[in-house]
Amino acid sequence: MRGRLLAVVVLVACSHPRPEPAPPPRPATSCEAAADGMVGLLVSGQSEKPPEDAVDKLRVLITTRCKEDRWTTEAQACLSKMKTADDANTCGTLLTEDQQAALVKAQEKPAP
């Protein structure tokens, strides 16, 4: 009798599918991080540090365009890690032409 009970327990235990492992966490990205990466690269190439209010306005502008134009997570991650002009060129290919145009147009608008 004990053998039959053990066999039933083993069969029941083996009949349940194993739960699938949780997917790996997605990299933490955000439009704010993308803006920080873009502004950081821009500022690092300047011999004199630009005024903080100008840097903040640019950061807000980029963050706004990113959110409103729905930049992909991949683009956000790439832009947040930029260190060189080559990085910028590579990351730029992750934005659509419309997204790039909207960013350029927003930068060209005179400040209120």
C-alpha atoms as a PDB file:
ATOM      1  CA  MET A   1       0.000   0.000   0.000  1.00  0.00           C
ATOM      2  CA  ARG A   2       2.809   2.360   0.916  1.00  0.00           C
ATOM      3  CA  GLY A   3       4.438   1.697  -2.461  1.00  0.00           C
ATOM      4  CA  ARG A   4       1.272   2.668  -4.313  1.00  0.00           C
ATOM      5  CA  LEU A   5       0.959   5.860  -2.289  1.00  0.00           C
ATOM      6  CA  LEU A   6       4.561   6.768  -3.079  1.00  0.00           C
ATOM      7  CA  ALA A   7       3.944   6.081  -6.779  1.00  0.00           C
ATOM      8  CA  VAL A   8       0.867   8.327  -6.762  1.00  0.00           C
ATOM      9  CA  VAL A   9       2.773  11.128  -5.004  1.00  0.00           C
ATOM     10  CA  VAL A  10       5.617  10.894  -7.532  1.00  0.00           C
ATOM     11  CA  LEU A  11       3.177  10.945 -10.456  1.00  0.00           C
ATOM     12  CA  VAL A  12       1.325  13.940  -9.064  1.00  0.00           C
ATOM     13  CA  ALA A  13       4.552  15.794  -8.372  1.00  0.00           C
ATOM     14  CA  CYS A  14       5.841  15.103 -11.863  1.00  0.00           C
ATOM     15  CA  SER A  15       2.593  16.001 -13.590  1.00  0.00           C
ATOM     16  CA  HIS A  16       2.713  19.709 -12.684  1.00  0.00           C
ATOM     17  CA  PRO A  17       4.699  21.793 -15.126  1.00  0.00           C
ATOM     18  CA  ARG A  18       7.496  23.764 -13.633  1.00  0.00           C
ATOM     19  CA  PRO A  19       6.860  27.461 -13.516  1.00  0.00           C
ATOM     20  CA  GLU A  20       8.798  29.373 -16.116  1.00  0.00           C
ATOM     21  CA  PRO A  21      11.594  31.499 -14.730  1.00  0.00           C
ATOM     22  CA  ALA A  22      10.879  35.198 -14.454  1.00  0.00           C
ATOM     23  CA  PRO A  23      12.170  37.213 -17.400  1.00  0.00           C
ATOM     24  CA  PRO A  24      15.351  39.133 -16.700  1.00  0.00           C
ATOM     25  CA  PRO A  25      14.706  42.653 -15.482  1.00  0.00           C
ATOM     26  CA  ARG A  26      14.702  45.277 -18.181  1.00  0.00           C
ATOM     27  CA  PRO A  27      17.445  47.832 -17.928  1.00  0.00           C
ATOM     28  CA  ALA A  28      16.428  50.874 -15.971  1.00  0.00           C
ATOM     29  CA  THR A  29      15.980  53.618 -18.528  1.00  0.00           C
ATOM     30  CA  SER A  30      14.153  56.833 -18.620  1.00  0.00           C
ATOM     31  CA  CYS A  31      13.827  59.938 -20.663  1.00  0.00           C
ATOM     32  CA  GLU A  32      15.552  61.794 -17.833  1.00  0.00           C
ATOM     33  CA  ALA A  33      18.573  59.481 -18.071  1.00  0.00           C
ATOM     34  CA  ALA A  34      18.642  59.910 -21.859  1.00  0.00           C
ATOM     35  CA  ALA A  35      18.585  63.693 -21.434  1.00  0.00           C
ATOM     36  CA  ASP A  36      21.374  63.498 -18.856  1.00  0.00           C
ATOM     37  CA  GLY A  37      23.494  61.452 -21.259  1.00  0.00           C
ATOM     38  CA  MET A  38      22.918  63.802 -24.161  1.00  0.00           C
ATOM     39  CA  VAL A  39      23.532  66.952 -22.138  1.00  0.00           C
ATOM     40  CA  GLY A  40      26.550  65.396 -20.426  1.00  0.00           C
ATOM     41  CA  LEU A  41      28.196  64.649 -23.757  1.00  0.00           C
ATOM     42  CA  LEU A  42      27.410  68.130 -25.034  1.00  0.00           C
ATOM     43  CA  VAL A  43      28.778  69.875 -21.936  1.00  0.00           C
ATOM     44  CA  SER A  44      31.887  67.682 -21.713  1.00  0.00           C
ATOM     45  CA  GLY A  45      33.064  68.964 -25.091  1.00  0.00           C
ATOM     46  CA  GLN A  46      32.940  72.618 -24.038  1.00  0.00           C
ATOM     47  CA  SER A  47      35.986  74.436 -22.722  1.00  0.00           C
ATOM     48  CA  GLU A  48      33.810  76.679 -20.561  1.00  0.00           C
ATOM     49  CA  LYS A  49      30.848  75.318 -18.631  1.00  0.00           C
ATOM     50  CA  PRO A  50      27.556  76.769 -19.939  1.00  0.00           C
ATOM     51  CA  PRO A  51      25.157  78.486 -17.528  1.00  0.00           C
ATOM     52  CA  GLU A  52      23.243  76.006 -15.381  1.00  0.00           C
ATOM     53  CA  ASP A  53      19.844  77.432 -16.384  1.00  0.00           C
ATOM     54  CA  ALA A  54      20.647  76.839 -20.075  1.00  0.00           C
ATOM     55  CA  VAL A  55      21.713  73.277 -19.288  1.00  0.00           C
ATOM     56  CA  ASP A  56      18.517  72.695 -17.296  1.00  0.00           C
ATOM     57  CA  LYS A  57      16.329  74.060 -20.129  1.00  0.00           C
ATOM     58  CA  LEU A  58      18.034  71.743 -22.614  1.00  0.00           C
ATOM     59  CA  ARG A  59      17.591  68.789 -20.258  1.00  0.00           C
ATOM     60  CA  VAL A  60      13.857  69.573 -19.922  1.00  0.00           C
ATOM     61  CA  LEU A  61      13.490  70.025 -23.684  1.00  0.00           C
ATOM     62  CA  ILE A  62      15.088  66.623 -24.409  1.00  0.00           C
ATOM     63  CA  THR A  63      13.062  64.903 -21.691  1.00  0.00           C
ATOM     64  CA  THR A  64       9.850  66.398 -23.075  1.00  0.00           C
ATOM     65  CA  ARG A  65      10.584  65.349 -26.651  1.00  0.00           C
ATOM     66  CA  CYS A  66      11.522  61.856 -25.478  1.00  0.00           C
ATOM     67  CA  LYS A  67       8.258  61.402 -23.601  1.00  0.00           C
ATOM     68  CA  GLU A  68       5.958  63.048 -26.132  1.00  0.00           C
ATOM     69  CA  ASP A  69       7.583  61.367 -29.138  1.00  0.00           C
ATOM     70  CA  ARG A  70       7.771  58.003 -27.365  1.00  0.00           C
ATOM     71  CA  TRP A  71      11.437  57.213 -27.816  1.00  0.00           C
ATOM     72  CA  THR A  72      12.064  53.488 -27.495  1.00  0.00           C
ATOM     73  CA  THR A  73      13.583  51.959 -24.386  1.00  0.00           C
ATOM     74  CA  GLU A  74      16.543  50.937 -26.549  1.00  0.00           C
ATOM     75  CA  ALA A  75      17.119  54.536 -27.676  1.00  0.00           C
ATOM     76  CA  GLN A  76      16.784  55.830 -24.112  1.00  0.00           C
ATOM     77  CA  ALA A  77      19.312  53.297 -22.834  1.00  0.00           C
ATOM     78  CA  CYS A  78      21.779  54.098 -25.607  1.00  0.00           C
ATOM     79  CA  LEU A  79      21.471  57.857 -25.172  1.00  0.00           C
ATOM     80  CA  SER A  80      21.880  57.621 -21.409  1.00  0.00           C
ATOM     81  CA  LYS A  81      25.272  55.912 -21.818  1.00  0.00           C
ATOM     82  CA  MET A  82      26.797  58.135 -24.518  1.00  0.00           C
ATOM     83  CA  LYS A  83      30.450  59.071 -24.041  1.00  0.00           C
ATOM     84  CA  THR A  84      31.665  59.961 -27.550  1.00  0.00           C
ATOM     85  CA  ALA A  85      30.473  61.501 -30.806  1.00  0.00           C
ATOM     86  CA  ASP A  86      30.494  58.006 -32.317  1.00  0.00           C
ATOM     87  CA  ASP A  87      28.121  56.906 -29.555  1.00  0.00           C
ATOM     88  CA  ALA A  88      25.856  59.841 -30.419  1.00  0.00           C
ATOM     89  CA  ASN A  89      25.828  58.843 -34.090  1.00  0.00           C
ATOM     90  CA  THR A  90      24.970  55.249 -33.212  1.00  0.00           C
ATOM     91  CA  CYS A  91      22.240  56.235 -30.758  1.00  0.00           C
ATOM     92  CA  GLY A  92      20.818  58.741 -33.220  1.00  0.00           C
ATOM     93  CA  THR A  93      19.983  55.902 -35.587  1.00  0.00           C
ATOM     94  CA  LEU A  94      17.593  54.549 -32.931  1.00  0.00           C
ATOM     95  CA  LEU A  95      15.359  57.607 -33.297  1.00  0.00           C
ATOM     96  CA  THR A  96      13.000  57.879 -36.235  1.00  0.00           C
ATOM     97  CA  GLU A  97      13.354  60.748 -38.682  1.00  0.00           C
ATOM     98  CA  ASP A  98      10.246  62.349 -37.193  1.00  0.00           C
ATOM     99  CA  GLN A  99      11.663  62.068 -33.661  1.00  0.00           C
ATOM    100  CA  GLN A 100      14.958  63.612 -34.761  1.00  0.00           C
ATOM    101  CA  ALA A 101      13.171  66.412 -36.618  1.00  0.00           C
ATOM    102  CA  ALA A 102      10.978  67.201 -33.608  1.00  0.00           C
ATOM    103  CA  LEU A 103      14.056  67.454 -31.383  1.00  0.00           C
ATOM    104  CA  VAL A 104      15.843  69.773 -33.809  1.00  0.00           C
ATOM    105  CA  LYS A 105      12.725  71.922 -34.265  1.00  0.00           C
ATOM    106  CA  ALA A 106      12.254  72.228 -30.492  1.00  0.00           C
ATOM    107  CA  GLN A 107      15.869  73.352 -30.090  1.00  0.00           C
ATOM    108  CA  GLU A 108      15.445  76.007 -32.770  1.00  0.00           C
ATOM    109  CA  LYS A 109      12.433  77.645 -31.086  1.00  0.00           C
ATOM    110  CA  PRO A 110      13.321  80.891 -29.343  1.00  0.00           C
ATOM    111  CA  ALA A 111      13.005  80.798 -25.565  1.00  0.00           C
ATOM    112  CA  PRO A 112       9.842  82.538 -24.256  1.00  0.00           C
END
